[in-house]
Amino acid sequence: MARESVKARERKRAKLVAQYAKKRAELKAAGDYQALDKLPRNASPVRLHNRCKLTGRPRGYMRKFGISRVTFREMAAAGKIPGVTKASW
């Protein structure tokens, strides 16, 4: 499980990206790259990294569910994800 500080940092970045999204789009459309340089670095969407919403795990992230493969497997086995069943043939 990721440290709380790492998860908090990602949440803070996501908030900054949302806050500056409109301004970034306007500056990009105008071609004002000097003004773009003055924006905070964490306001860039490239700096975001997908993490599991429950554990904060950065690898094995499943976009459709927003959780990691490990958490997904545990929850699916426990029947906590609707519509997901274990395959058998």
PDB file of N, CA and C in Angstrom:
ATOM      1  N   MET A   1       0.841  -1.175   0.000  1.00  0.00           N
ATOM      2  CA  MET A   1       0.000   0.000   0.000  1.00  0.00           C
ATOM      3  C   MET A   1       0.893   1.248   0.000  1.00  0.00           C
ATOM      4  N   ALA A   2       0.507   2.225  -0.791  1.00  0.00           N
ATOM      5  CA  ALA A   2       1.282   3.459  -0.891  1.00  0.00           C
ATOM      6  C   ALA A   2       1.131   4.292   0.378  1.00  0.00           C
ATOM      7  N   ARG A   3       2.151   5.094   0.640  1.00  0.00           N
ATOM      8  CA  ARG A   3       2.091   5.993   1.793  1.00  0.00           C
ATOM      9  C   ARG A   3       0.996   7.029   1.572  1.00  0.00           C
ATOM     10  N   GLU A   4       0.450   7.523   2.665  1.00  0.00           N
ATOM     11  CA  GLU A   4      -0.618   8.525   2.583  1.00  0.00           C
ATOM     12  C   GLU A   4      -0.124   9.806   1.915  1.00  0.00           C
ATOM     13  N   SER A   5       1.146  10.146   2.133  1.00  0.00           N
ATOM     14  CA  SER A   5       1.682  11.370   1.553  1.00  0.00           C
ATOM     15  C   SER A   5       1.732  11.285   0.027  1.00  0.00           C
ATOM     16  N   VAL A   6       2.001  10.102  -0.500  1.00  0.00           N
ATOM     17  CA  VAL A   6       2.054   9.914  -1.953  1.00  0.00           C
ATOM     18  C   VAL A   6       0.659  10.041  -2.540  1.00  0.00           C
ATOM     19  N   LYS A   7      -0.317   9.436  -1.865  1.00  0.00           N
ATOM     20  CA  LYS A   7      -1.702   9.527  -2.341  1.00  0.00           C
ATOM     21  C   LYS A   7      -2.200  10.968  -2.253  1.00  0.00           C
ATOM     22  N   ALA A   8      -1.831  11.669  -1.186  1.00  0.00           N
ATOM     23  CA  ALA A   8      -2.240  13.064  -1.011  1.00  0.00           C
ATOM     24  C   ALA A   8      -1.615  13.944  -2.085  1.00  0.00           C
ATOM     25  N   ARG A   9      -0.374  13.674  -2.446  1.00  0.00           N
ATOM     26  CA  ARG A   9       0.309  14.441  -3.486  1.00  0.00           C
ATOM     27  C   ARG A   9      -0.402  14.292  -4.822  1.00  0.00           C
ATOM     28  N   GLU A  10      -0.834  13.074  -5.132  1.00  0.00           N
ATOM     29  CA  GLU A  10      -1.555  12.832  -6.387  1.00  0.00           C
ATOM     30  C   GLU A  10      -2.902  13.554  -6.396  1.00  0.00           C
ATOM     31  N   ARG A  11      -3.602  13.535  -5.261  1.00  0.00           N
ATOM     32  CA  ARG A  11      -4.885  14.248  -5.172  1.00  0.00           C
ATOM     33  C   ARG A  11      -4.682  15.748  -5.358  1.00  0.00           C
ATOM     34  N   LYS A  12      -3.606  16.267  -4.780  1.00  0.00           N
ATOM     35  CA  LYS A  12      -3.296  17.690  -4.899  1.00  0.00           C
ATOM     36  C   LYS A  12      -3.004  18.051  -6.361  1.00  0.00           C
ATOM     37  N   ARG A  13      -2.260  17.202  -7.046  1.00  0.00           N
ATOM     38  CA  ARG A  13      -1.961  17.439  -8.467  1.00  0.00           C
ATOM     39  C   ARG A  13      -3.238  17.429  -9.299  1.00  0.00           C
ATOM     40  N   ALA A  14      -4.098  16.470  -9.041  1.00  0.00           N
ATOM     41  CA  ALA A  14      -5.356  16.374  -9.797  1.00  0.00           C
ATOM     42  C   ALA A  14      -6.198  17.631  -9.602  1.00  0.00           C
ATOM     43  N   LYS A  15      -6.204  18.157  -8.383  1.00  0.00           N
ATOM     44  CA  LYS A  15      -6.951  19.370  -8.095  1.00  0.00           C
ATOM     45  C   LYS A  15      -6.363  20.565  -8.853  1.00  0.00           C
ATOM     46  N   LEU A  16      -5.036  20.658  -8.884  1.00  0.00           N
ATOM     47  CA  LEU A  16      -4.371  21.749  -9.600  1.00  0.00           C
ATOM     48  C   LEU A  16      -4.622  21.663 -11.101  1.00  0.00           C
ATOM     49  N   VAL A  17      -4.589  20.465 -11.649  1.00  0.00           N
ATOM     50  CA  VAL A  17      -4.830  20.273 -13.085  1.00  0.00           C
ATOM     51  C   VAL A  17      -6.232  20.763 -13.433  1.00  0.00           C
ATOM     52  N   ALA A  18      -7.210  20.406 -12.609  1.00  0.00           N
ATOM     53  CA  ALA A  18      -8.587  20.831 -12.851  1.00  0.00           C
ATOM     54  C   ALA A  18      -8.721  22.350 -12.724  1.00  0.00           C
ATOM     55  N   GLN A  19      -8.010  22.920 -11.766  1.00  0.00           N
ATOM     56  CA  GLN A  19      -8.096  24.360 -11.520  1.00  0.00           C
ATOM     57  C   GLN A  19      -7.534  25.174 -12.686  1.00  0.00           C
ATOM     58  N   TYR A  20      -6.434  24.716 -13.281  1.00  0.00           N
ATOM     59  CA  TYR A  20      -5.759  25.461 -14.337  1.00  0.00           C
ATOM     60  C   TYR A  20      -6.103  24.988 -15.744  1.00  0.00           C
ATOM     61  N   ALA A  21      -6.992  24.024 -15.888  1.00  0.00           N
ATOM     62  CA  ALA A  21      -7.286  23.440 -17.206  1.00  0.00           C
ATOM     63  C   ALA A  21      -7.770  24.487 -18.204  1.00  0.00           C
ATOM     64  N   LYS A  22      -8.702  25.312 -17.785  1.00  0.00           N
ATOM     65  CA  LYS A  22      -9.261  26.324 -18.693  1.00  0.00           C
ATOM     66  C   LYS A  22      -8.189  27.336 -19.097  1.00  0.00           C
ATOM     67  N   LYS A  23      -7.415  27.795 -18.134  1.00  0.00           N
ATOM     68  CA  LYS A  23      -6.369  28.783 -18.405  1.00  0.00           C
ATOM     69  C   LYS A  23      -5.301  28.204 -19.336  1.00  0.00           C
ATOM     70  N   ARG A  24      -4.913  26.945 -19.090  1.00  0.00           N
ATOM     71  CA  ARG A  24      -3.913  26.284 -19.944  1.00  0.00           C
ATOM     72  C   ARG A  24      -4.411  26.195 -21.385  1.00  0.00           C
ATOM     73  N   ALA A  25      -5.682  25.831 -21.547  1.00  0.00           N
ATOM     74  CA  ALA A  25      -6.256  25.698 -22.890  1.00  0.00           C
ATOM     75  C   ALA A  25      -6.250  27.038 -23.617  1.00  0.00           C
ATOM     76  N   GLU A  26      -6.609  28.109 -22.902  1.00  0.00           N
ATOM     77  CA  GLU A  26      -6.616  29.441 -23.518  1.00  0.00           C
ATOM     78  C   GLU A  26      -5.215  29.878 -23.935  1.00  0.00           C
ATOM     79  N   LEU A  27      -4.237  29.662 -23.051  1.00  0.00           N
ATOM     80  CA  LEU A  27      -2.860  30.053 -23.360  1.00  0.00           C
ATOM     81  C   LEU A  27      -2.289  29.235 -24.513  1.00  0.00           C
ATOM     82  N   LYS A  28      -2.620  27.951 -24.558  1.00  0.00           N
ATOM     83  CA  LYS A  28      -2.146  27.101 -25.658  1.00  0.00           C
ATOM     84  C   LYS A  28      -2.748  27.539 -26.981  1.00  0.00           C
ATOM     85  N   ALA A  29      -4.049  27.860 -26.957  1.00  0.00           N
ATOM     86  CA  ALA A  29      -4.717  28.300 -28.177  1.00  0.00           C
ATOM     87  C   ALA A  29      -4.121  29.614 -28.681  1.00  0.00           C
ATOM     88  N   ALA A  30      -3.747  30.495 -27.748  1.00  0.00           N
ATOM     89  CA  ALA A  30      -3.160  31.781 -28.116  1.00  0.00           C
ATOM     90  C   ALA A  30      -1.682  31.648 -28.495  1.00  0.00           C
ATOM     91  N   GLY A  31      -1.077  30.520 -28.150  1.00  0.00           N
ATOM     92  CA  GLY A  31       0.337  30.301 -28.456  1.00  0.00           C
ATOM     93  C   GLY A  31       1.263  31.054 -27.512  1.00  0.00           C
ATOM     94  N   ASP A  32       0.794  31.413 -26.345  1.00  0.00           N
ATOM     95  CA  ASP A  32       1.580  32.161 -25.364  1.00  0.00           C
ATOM     96  C   ASP A  32       2.334  31.185 -24.461  1.00  0.00           C
ATOM     97  N   TYR A  33       3.477  30.707 -24.938  1.00  0.00           N
ATOM     98  CA  TYR A  33       4.227  29.687 -24.209  1.00  0.00           C
ATOM     99  C   TYR A  33       5.008  30.267 -23.039  1.00  0.00           C
ATOM    100  N   GLN A  34       5.298  31.541 -23.066  1.00  0.00           N
ATOM    101  CA  GLN A  34       5.986  32.160 -21.932  1.00  0.00           C
ATOM    102  C   GLN A  34       5.061  32.222 -20.723  1.00  0.00           C
ATOM    103  N   ALA A  35       3.797  32.520 -20.956  1.00  0.00           N
ATOM    104  CA  ALA A  35       2.830  32.539 -19.861  1.00  0.00           C
ATOM    105  C   ALA A  35       2.570  31.116 -19.358  1.00  0.00           C
ATOM    106  N   LEU A  36       2.607  30.135 -20.259  1.00  0.00           N
ATOM    107  CA  LEU A  36       2.431  28.733 -19.851  1.00  0.00           C
ATOM    108  C   LEU A  36       3.558  28.303 -18.915  1.00  0.00           C
ATOM    109  N   ASP A  37       4.778  28.802 -19.181  1.00  0.00           N
ATOM    110  CA  ASP A  37       5.919  28.460 -18.333  1.00  0.00           C
ATOM    111  C   ASP A  37       5.755  28.983 -16.910  1.00  0.00           C
ATOM    112  N   LYS A  38       4.981  30.031 -16.754  1.00  0.00           N
ATOM    113  CA  LYS A  38       4.814  30.634 -15.433  1.00  0.00           C
ATOM    114  C   LYS A  38       3.770  29.912 -14.573  1.00  0.00           C
ATOM    115  N   LEU A  39       2.983  29.034 -15.187  1.00  0.00           N
ATOM    116  CA  LEU A  39       2.012  28.256 -14.421  1.00  0.00           C
ATOM    117  C   LEU A  39       2.747  27.220 -13.567  1.00  0.00           C
ATOM    118  N   PRO A  40       2.136  26.757 -12.482  1.00  0.00           N
ATOM    119  CA  PRO A  40       2.784  25.728 -11.653  1.00  0.00           C
ATOM    120  C   PRO A  40       3.022  24.443 -12.444  1.00  0.00           C
ATOM    121  N   ARG A  41       4.130  23.787 -12.174  1.00  0.00           N
ATOM    122  CA  ARG A  41       4.461  22.550 -12.893  1.00  0.00           C
ATOM    123  C   ARG A  41       3.412  21.468 -12.668  1.00  0.00           C
ATOM    124  N   ASN A  42       2.901  21.398 -11.455  1.00  0.00           N
ATOM    125  CA  ASN A  42       1.919  20.364 -11.142  1.00  0.00           C
ATOM    126  C   ASN A  42       0.560  20.623 -11.779  1.00  0.00           C
ATOM    127  N   ALA A  43       0.402  21.751 -12.467  1.00  0.00           N
ATOM    128  CA  ALA A  43      -0.849  22.044 -13.161  1.00  0.00           C
ATOM    129  C   ALA A  43      -0.888  21.370 -14.530  1.00  0.00           C
ATOM    130  N   SER A  44       0.206  20.737 -14.912  1.00  0.00           N
ATOM    131  CA  SER A  44       0.263  20.044 -16.190  1.00  0.00           C
ATOM    132  C   SER A  44      -0.335  18.640 -16.061  1.00  0.00           C
ATOM    133  N   PRO A  45      -1.263  18.275 -16.947  1.00  0.00           N
ATOM    134  CA  PRO A  45      -1.892  16.947 -16.835  1.00  0.00           C
ATOM    135  C   PRO A  45      -0.917  15.791 -17.077  1.00  0.00           C
ATOM    136  N   VAL A  46       0.217  16.069 -17.677  1.00  0.00           N
ATOM    137  CA  VAL A  46       1.211  15.027 -17.943  1.00  0.00           C
ATOM    138  C   VAL A  46       1.808  14.492 -16.637  1.00  0.00           C
ATOM    139  N   ARG A  47       1.796  15.305 -15.609  1.00  0.00           N
ATOM    140  CA  ARG A  47       2.397  14.915 -14.338  1.00  0.00           C
ATOM    141  C   ARG A  47       1.496  14.021 -13.486  1.00  0.00           C
ATOM    142  N   LEU A  48       0.258  13.834 -13.900  1.00  0.00           N
ATOM    143  CA  LEU A  48      -0.648  12.939 -13.176  1.00  0.00           C
ATOM    144  C   LEU A  48      -0.278  11.492 -13.446  1.00  0.00           C
ATOM    145  N   HIS A  49      -0.484  10.654 -12.465  1.00  0.00           N
ATOM    146  CA  HIS A  49      -0.236   9.227 -12.631  1.00  0.00           C
ATOM    147  C   HIS A  49      -1.426   8.472 -12.064  1.00  0.00           C
ATOM    148  N   ASN A  50      -1.958   7.531 -12.817  1.00  0.00           N
ATOM    149  CA  ASN A  50      -3.111   6.757 -12.339  1.00  0.00           C
ATOM    150  C   ASN A  50      -2.706   5.896 -11.148  1.00  0.00           C
ATOM    151  N   ARG A  51      -3.500   5.967 -10.090  1.00  0.00           N
ATOM    152  CA  ARG A  51      -3.258   5.161  -8.903  1.00  0.00           C
ATOM    153  C   ARG A  51      -4.563   4.528  -8.449  1.00  0.00           C
ATOM    154  N   CYS A  52      -4.454   3.392  -7.801  1.00  0.00           N
ATOM    155  CA  CYS A  52      -5.611   2.705  -7.239  1.00  0.00           C
ATOM    156  C   CYS A  52      -6.284   3.614  -6.216  1.00  0.00           C
ATOM    157  N   LYS A  53      -7.608   3.730  -6.306  1.00  0.00           N
ATOM    158  CA  LYS A  53      -8.347   4.611  -5.400  1.00  0.00           C
ATOM    159  C   LYS A  53      -8.322   4.101  -3.956  1.00  0.00           C
ATOM    160  N   LEU A  54      -8.166   2.805  -3.770  1.00  0.00           N
ATOM    161  CA  LEU A  54      -8.213   2.229  -2.433  1.00  0.00           C
ATOM    162  C   LEU A  54      -6.835   2.084  -1.794  1.00  0.00           C
ATOM    163  N   THR A  55      -5.857   1.575  -2.563  1.00  0.00           N
ATOM    164  CA  THR A  55      -4.546   1.306  -1.986  1.00  0.00           C
ATOM    165  C   THR A  55      -3.475   2.290  -2.418  1.00  0.00           C
ATOM    166  N   GLY A  56      -3.672   2.978  -3.539  1.00  0.00           N
ATOM    167  CA  GLY A  56      -2.669   3.913  -4.040  1.00  0.00           C
ATOM    168  C   GLY A  56      -1.606   3.247  -4.887  1.00  0.00           C
ATOM    169  N   ARG A  57      -1.797   1.977  -5.224  1.00  0.00           N
ATOM    170  CA  ARG A  57      -0.812   1.246  -6.017  1.00  0.00           C
ATOM    171  C   ARG A  57      -0.712   1.854  -7.416  1.00  0.00           C
ATOM    172  N   PRO A  58       0.529   2.179  -7.881  1.00  0.00           N
ATOM    173  CA  PRO A  58       0.677   2.838  -9.175  1.00  0.00           C
ATOM    174  C   PRO A  58       0.690   1.886 -10.374  1.00  0.00           C
ATOM    175  N   ARG A  59       0.994   0.635 -10.140  1.00  0.00           N
ATOM    176  CA  ARG A  59       1.083  -0.310 -11.262  1.00  0.00           C
ATOM    177  C   ARG A  59      -0.147  -1.196 -11.322  1.00  0.00           C
ATOM    178  N   GLY A  60      -0.421  -1.730 -12.503  1.00  0.00           N
ATOM    179  CA  GLY A  60      -1.549  -2.644 -12.660  1.00  0.00           C
ATOM    180  C   GLY A  60      -2.882  -1.954 -12.486  1.00  0.00           C
ATOM    181  N   TYR A  61      -2.962  -0.700 -12.917  1.00  0.00           N
ATOM    182  CA  TYR A  61      -4.183   0.097 -12.757  1.00  0.00           C
ATOM    183  C   TYR A  61      -5.190  -0.248 -13.848  1.00  0.00           C
ATOM    184  N   MET A  62      -6.433  -0.484 -13.445  1.00  0.00           N
ATOM    185  CA  MET A  62      -7.497  -0.787 -14.409  1.00  0.00           C
ATOM    186  C   MET A  62      -8.395   0.433 -14.518  1.00  0.00           C
ATOM    187  N   ARG A  63      -8.342   1.119 -15.668  1.00  0.00           N
ATOM    188  CA  ARG A  63      -9.069   2.375 -15.850  1.00  0.00           C
ATOM    189  C   ARG A  63     -10.574   2.227 -15.669  1.00  0.00           C
ATOM    190  N   LYS A  64     -11.105   1.149 -16.174  1.00  0.00           N
ATOM    191  CA  LYS A  64     -12.556   0.956 -16.135  1.00  0.00           C
ATOM    192  C   LYS A  64     -13.098   0.961 -14.703  1.00  0.00           C
ATOM    193  N   PHE A  65     -12.313   0.451 -13.770  1.00  0.00           N
ATOM    194  CA  PHE A  65     -12.768   0.326 -12.383  1.00  0.00           C
ATOM    195  C   PHE A  65     -12.091   1.321 -11.450  1.00  0.00           C
ATOM    196  N   GLY A  66     -10.951   1.881 -11.853  1.00  0.00           N
ATOM    197  CA  GLY A  66     -10.245   2.853 -11.020  1.00  0.00           C
ATOM    198  C   GLY A  66      -9.462   2.229  -9.882  1.00  0.00           C
ATOM    199  N   ILE A  67      -9.215   0.917  -9.966  1.00  0.00           N
ATOM    200  CA  ILE A  67      -8.468   0.233  -8.918  1.00  0.00           C
ATOM    201  C   ILE A  67      -7.384  -0.631  -9.557  1.00  0.00           C
ATOM    202  N   SER A  68      -6.467  -1.126  -8.731  1.00  0.00           N
ATOM    203  CA  SER A  68      -5.393  -1.964  -9.240  1.00  0.00           C
ATOM    204  C   SER A  68      -5.898  -3.393  -9.470  1.00  0.00           C
ATOM    205  N   ARG A  69      -5.125  -4.158 -10.206  1.00  0.00           N
ATOM    206  CA  ARG A  69      -5.510  -5.537 -10.536  1.00  0.00           C
ATOM    207  C   ARG A  69      -5.611  -6.398  -9.278  1.00  0.00           C
ATOM    208  N   VAL A  70      -4.745  -6.138  -8.293  1.00  0.00           N
ATOM    209  CA  VAL A  70      -4.739  -6.914  -7.060  1.00  0.00           C
ATOM    210  C   VAL A  70      -6.033  -6.668  -6.277  1.00  0.00           C
ATOM    211  N   THR A  71      -6.384  -5.388  -6.123  1.00  0.00           N
ATOM    212  CA  THR A  71      -7.610  -5.020  -5.415  1.00  0.00           C
ATOM    213  C   THR A  71      -8.829  -5.519  -6.174  1.00  0.00           C
ATOM    214  N   PHE A  72      -8.766  -5.427  -7.507  1.00  0.00           N
ATOM    215  CA  PHE A  72      -9.873  -5.895  -8.340  1.00  0.00           C
ATOM    216  C   PHE A  72     -10.119  -7.385  -8.113  1.00  0.00           C
ATOM    217  N   ARG A  73      -9.054  -8.147  -8.083  1.00  0.00           N
ATOM    218  CA  ARG A  73      -9.173  -9.600  -7.917  1.00  0.00           C
ATOM    219  C   ARG A  73      -9.780  -9.949  -6.557  1.00  0.00           C
ATOM    220  N   GLU A  74      -9.327  -9.257  -5.517  1.00  0.00           N
ATOM    221  CA  GLU A  74      -9.862  -9.505  -4.173  1.00  0.00           C
ATOM    222  C   GLU A  74     -11.352  -9.157  -4.097  1.00  0.00           C
ATOM    223  N   MET A  75     -11.705  -7.991  -4.663  1.00  0.00           N
ATOM    224  CA  MET A  75     -13.101  -7.551  -4.607  1.00  0.00           C
ATOM    225  C   MET A  75     -14.005  -8.432  -5.468  1.00  0.00           C
ATOM    226  N   ALA A  76     -13.495  -8.865  -6.635  1.00  0.00           N
ATOM    227  CA  ALA A  76     -14.288  -9.717  -7.516  1.00  0.00           C
ATOM    228  C   ALA A  76     -14.540 -11.072  -6.855  1.00  0.00           C
ATOM    229  N   ALA A  77     -13.524 -11.608  -6.197  1.00  0.00           N
ATOM    230  CA  ALA A  77     -13.665 -12.898  -5.523  1.00  0.00           C
ATOM    231  C   ALA A  77     -14.657 -12.797  -4.361  1.00  0.00           C
ATOM    232  N   ALA A  78     -14.708 -11.643  -3.735  1.00  0.00           N
ATOM    233  CA  ALA A  78     -15.624 -11.439  -2.612  1.00  0.00           C
ATOM    234  C   ALA A  78     -17.028 -11.062  -3.086  1.00  0.00           C
ATOM    235  N   GLY A  79     -17.186 -10.850  -4.396  1.00  0.00           N
ATOM    236  CA  GLY A  79     -18.490 -10.518  -4.958  1.00  0.00           C
ATOM    237  C   GLY A  79     -18.888  -9.061  -4.752  1.00  0.00           C
ATOM    238  N   LYS A  80     -17.911  -8.196  -4.603  1.00  0.00           N
ATOM    239  CA  LYS A  80     -18.193  -6.784  -4.334  1.00  0.00           C
ATOM    240  C   LYS A  80     -18.279  -5.930  -5.602  1.00  0.00           C
ATOM    241  N   ILE A  81     -17.981  -6.532  -6.757  1.00  0.00           N
ATOM    242  CA  ILE A  81     -18.077  -5.800  -8.025  1.00  0.00           C
ATOM    243  C   ILE A  81     -19.223  -6.411  -8.827  1.00  0.00           C
ATOM    244  N   PRO A  82     -20.296  -5.658  -9.049  1.00  0.00           N
ATOM    245  CA  PRO A  82     -21.461  -6.206  -9.761  1.00  0.00           C
ATOM    246  C   PRO A  82     -21.130  -6.563 -11.202  1.00  0.00           C
ATOM    247  N   GLY A  83     -21.647  -7.705 -11.630  1.00  0.00           N
ATOM    248  CA  GLY A  83     -21.487  -8.124 -13.022  1.00  0.00           C
ATOM    249  C   GLY A  83     -20.189  -8.825 -13.330  1.00  0.00           C
ATOM    250  N   VAL A  84     -19.301  -8.975 -12.344  1.00  0.00           N
ATOM    251  CA  VAL A  84     -18.018  -9.632 -12.577  1.00  0.00           C
ATOM    252  C   VAL A  84     -18.055 -11.006 -11.944  1.00  0.00           C
ATOM    253  N   THR A  85     -17.785 -12.029 -12.776  1.00  0.00           N
ATOM    254  CA  THR A  85     -17.742 -13.402 -12.278  1.00  0.00           C
ATOM    255  C   THR A  85     -16.426 -14.038 -12.676  1.00  0.00           C
ATOM    256  N   LYS A  86     -16.029 -15.034 -11.944  1.00  0.00           N
ATOM    257  CA  LYS A  86     -14.800 -15.746 -12.244  1.00  0.00           C
ATOM    258  C   LYS A  86     -15.039 -16.676 -13.436  1.00  0.00           C
ATOM    259  N   ALA A  87     -14.147 -16.601 -14.390  1.00  0.00           N
ATOM    260  CA  ALA A  87     -14.294 -17.426 -15.585  1.00  0.00           C
ATOM    261  C   ALA A  87     -13.913 -18.876 -15.286  1.00  0.00           C
ATOM    262  N   SER A  88     -14.632 -19.826 -15.909  1.00  0.00           N
ATOM    263  CA  SER A  88     -14.269 -21.235 -15.806  1.00  0.00           C
ATOM    264  C   SER A  88     -14.715 -21.937 -17.085  1.00  0.00           C
ATOM    265  N   TRP A  89     -13.870 -22.806 -17.605  1.00  0.00           N
ATOM    266  CA  TRP A  89     -14.222 -23.533 -18.815  1.00  0.00           C
ATOM    267  C   TRP A  89     -13.636 -24.904 -18.822  1.00  0.00           C
TER     268      TRP A  89
END
